[in-house]
Protein backbone atom coordinates (compact mmCIF):
# COMPACT_ATOMS: atom_id res chain seq x y z
CA UNK A 1 52.65 11.86 -10.57
CA UNK A 2 50.21 14.50 -11.17
CA UNK A 3 48.46 12.77 -14.22
CA UNK A 4 48.21 9.55 -12.06
CA UNK A 5 46.04 11.26 -9.64
CA UNK A 6 44.09 13.00 -12.08
CA UNK A 7 43.65 9.39 -13.27
CA UNK A 8 42.09 8.34 -10.22
CA UNK A 9 40.10 10.99 -9.04
CA UNK A 10 37.89 10.65 -13.03
CA UNK A 11 37.81 6.71 -11.82
CA UNK A 12 36.52 7.54 -8.75
CA UNK A 13 34.16 10.00 -9.77
CA UNK A 14 32.96 7.57 -12.96
CA UNK A 15 32.50 5.01 -10.22
CA UNK A 16 30.63 6.82 -8.01
CA UNK A 17 28.35 8.45 -10.54
CA UNK A 18 27.47 5.04 -11.60
CA UNK A 19 26.81 2.57 -8.97
CA UNK A 20 27.80 -1.12 -9.62
CA UNK A 21 24.65 -2.22 -7.16
CA UNK A 22 21.86 -0.28 -7.74
CA UNK A 23 18.84 -1.41 -5.97
CA UNK A 24 15.28 -1.46 -7.49
CA UNK A 25 12.80 0.81 -5.59
CA UNK A 26 11.08 -0.91 -2.65
CA UNK A 27 7.89 -1.66 -3.20
CA UNK A 28 5.01 -1.49 -0.75
CA UNK A 29 3.31 -4.57 -0.47
CA UNK A 30 -0.61 -4.50 0.04
CA UNK A 31 -3.44 -6.99 0.32
CA UNK A 32 -6.69 -5.53 -1.24
CA UNK A 33 -9.94 -6.77 0.49
CA UNK A 34 -13.08 -5.51 -1.15
CA UNK A 35 -16.43 -6.41 0.07
CA UNK A 36 -19.74 -4.88 -0.80
CA UNK A 37 -23.67 -5.29 -0.23
CA UNK A 38 -24.74 -7.94 -2.89
CA UNK A 39 -28.17 -8.28 -2.46
CA UNK A 40 -29.04 -6.60 -5.90
CA UNK A 41 -26.62 -9.50 -7.31
CA UNK A 42 -25.33 -6.48 -9.40
CA UNK A 43 -21.58 -7.78 -8.61
CA UNK A 44 -20.36 -3.88 -6.92
CA UNK A 45 -17.89 -5.73 -4.94
CA UNK A 46 -16.29 -7.28 -7.76
CA UNK A 47 -16.22 -4.30 -10.42
CA UNK A 48 -14.75 -2.10 -7.40
CA UNK A 49 -12.06 -4.36 -6.68
CA UNK A 50 -11.27 -4.94 -10.48
CA UNK A 51 -11.28 -1.06 -10.88
CA UNK A 52 -9.38 -0.18 -7.62
CA UNK A 53 -6.69 -2.83 -8.74
CA UNK A 54 -6.44 -1.79 -12.24
CA UNK A 55 -5.75 2.06 -10.53
CA UNK A 56 -3.39 0.48 -8.10
CA UNK A 57 -1.29 -1.31 -10.53
CA UNK A 58 -0.31 2.40 -12.28
CA UNK A 59 1.35 3.20 -8.73
CA UNK A 60 4.84 1.96 -9.84
CA UNK A 61 5.82 1.28 -6.24
CA UNK A 62 2.57 -0.84 -4.97
CA UNK A 63 2.39 -4.41 -5.12
CA UNK A 64 -0.65 -6.41 -4.52
CA UNK A 65 -0.23 -9.61 -2.88
CA UNK A 66 -2.74 -11.76 -1.35
CA UNK A 67 -3.88 -11.97 2.09
CA UNK A 68 -1.10 -13.10 4.56
CA UNK A 69 1.61 -12.09 2.24
CA UNK A 70 1.57 -8.74 3.86
CA UNK A 71 0.68 -7.07 7.12
CA UNK A 72 -0.94 -3.74 5.39
CA UNK A 73 -4.50 -4.17 3.93
CA UNK A 74 -6.50 -1.59 2.28
CA UNK A 75 -10.18 -2.69 3.03
CA UNK A 76 -12.75 -1.30 0.65
CA UNK A 77 -16.74 -1.62 1.85
CA UNK A 78 -18.69 -0.45 -1.40
CA UNK A 79 -22.85 -0.09 -1.72
CA UNK A 80 -25.10 1.56 -3.49
CA UNK A 81 -28.01 3.22 -3.97
CA UNK A 82 -29.58 4.14 -7.40
CA UNK A 83 -27.11 5.44 -9.34
CA UNK A 84 -24.94 6.69 -6.46
CA UNK A 85 -22.29 4.40 -5.19
CA UNK A 86 -19.81 5.05 -2.16
CA UNK A 87 -16.64 3.38 -0.38
CA UNK A 88 -15.21 3.27 3.02
CA UNK A 89 -11.49 3.01 2.65
CA UNK A 90 -9.39 1.74 5.80
CA UNK A 91 -5.65 1.32 5.64
CA UNK A 92 -4.87 -1.13 8.49
CA UNK A 93 -1.61 -2.86 9.30
CA UNK A 94 -0.61 -5.39 11.78
CA UNK A 95 2.00 -5.68 14.47
CA UNK A 96 5.28 -7.94 13.98
CA UNK A 97 7.07 -9.62 16.85
CA UNK A 98 9.90 -7.26 15.84
CA UNK A 99 7.98 -4.36 16.82
CA UNK A 100 6.59 -5.60 19.86
CA UNK A 101 10.50 -6.38 21.13
CA UNK A 102 11.20 -2.86 20.32
CA UNK A 103 8.02 -1.44 22.31
CA UNK A 104 8.76 -3.84 25.31
CA UNK A 105 6.25 -6.91 24.62
CA UNK A 106 8.22 -9.78 25.05
CA UNK A 107 5.88 -11.90 26.89
CA UNK A 108 4.30 -15.02 24.11
CA UNK A 109 0.62 -14.36 25.21
CA UNK A 110 0.27 -10.71 25.04
CA UNK A 111 2.55 -10.12 21.69
CA UNK A 112 0.29 -12.91 19.90
CA UNK A 113 -2.98 -11.41 21.17
CA UNK A 114 -1.17 -7.77 19.76
CA UNK A 115 -0.23 -9.43 16.60
CA UNK A 116 -4.02 -10.62 16.07
CA UNK A 117 -5.01 -6.90 15.86
CA UNK A 118 -5.19 -4.34 13.08
CA UNK A 119 -4.36 -0.99 13.79
CA UNK A 120 -6.03 1.58 11.52
CA UNK A 121 -3.44 4.04 9.74
CA UNK A 122 -5.86 5.74 7.24
CA UNK A 123 -9.57 6.31 6.46
CA UNK A 124 -11.23 7.61 3.47
CA UNK A 125 -14.37 8.05 2.06
CA UNK A 126 -15.60 8.60 -1.99
CA UNK A 127 -18.78 8.58 -3.84
CA UNK A 128 -19.88 8.82 -7.54
CA UNK A 129 -21.95 7.74 -10.05
CA UNK A 130 -19.85 4.56 -11.62
CA UNK A 131 -17.20 2.47 -9.84
CA UNK A 132 -14.32 3.46 -11.86
CA UNK A 133 -14.79 7.11 -10.75
CA UNK A 134 -14.68 6.24 -7.16
CA UNK A 135 -11.87 4.09 -7.73
CA UNK A 136 -9.55 6.44 -9.38
CA UNK A 137 -10.79 8.95 -5.98
CA UNK A 138 -9.68 6.67 -3.54
CA UNK A 139 -6.25 5.50 -4.86
CA UNK A 140 -5.58 9.24 -5.76
CA UNK A 141 -6.40 10.37 -2.24
CA UNK A 142 -4.42 7.20 -1.13
CA UNK A 143 -1.31 7.73 -3.29
CA UNK A 144 -1.31 11.47 -1.87
CA UNK A 145 -1.57 10.45 1.75
CA UNK A 146 -0.69 7.20 3.43
CA UNK A 147 1.35 5.73 0.73
CA UNK A 148 3.18 9.04 0.64
CA UNK A 149 4.13 8.69 4.01
CA UNK A 150 4.99 4.98 3.70
CA UNK A 151 7.43 6.15 1.42
CA UNK A 152 9.79 8.25 3.16
């Protein structure tokens, strides 16, 4: 009887150590929107978009999605003067219907108006001499700030 109990305990411990249905880590889905002053025609917003996208792709649990596929957005406004580049970042989120129901807002008109709003969850500003440097600072600040809070 004792060998049978020992074998059962061993089998249970092996099964507990290696879960059969391990779920992949949850991805944080975010829309990236970069805008800038393009009067000079140098493509600053495009370069910033590419550099921020490249930096965000190094964060394993972040997935960039098209507009409309996530209520959460990273909005960047960038400008340059000479060799100085600055970027202001807002991380915003839209209410969803389920959250509004929990908050007690059941009226459709009020709920629709609130779902159209963007709630600011974080604001960062970075500056530097090139877009790659600014993008690296911004993503590091987001990763250690709002993204770290969302992982909890």
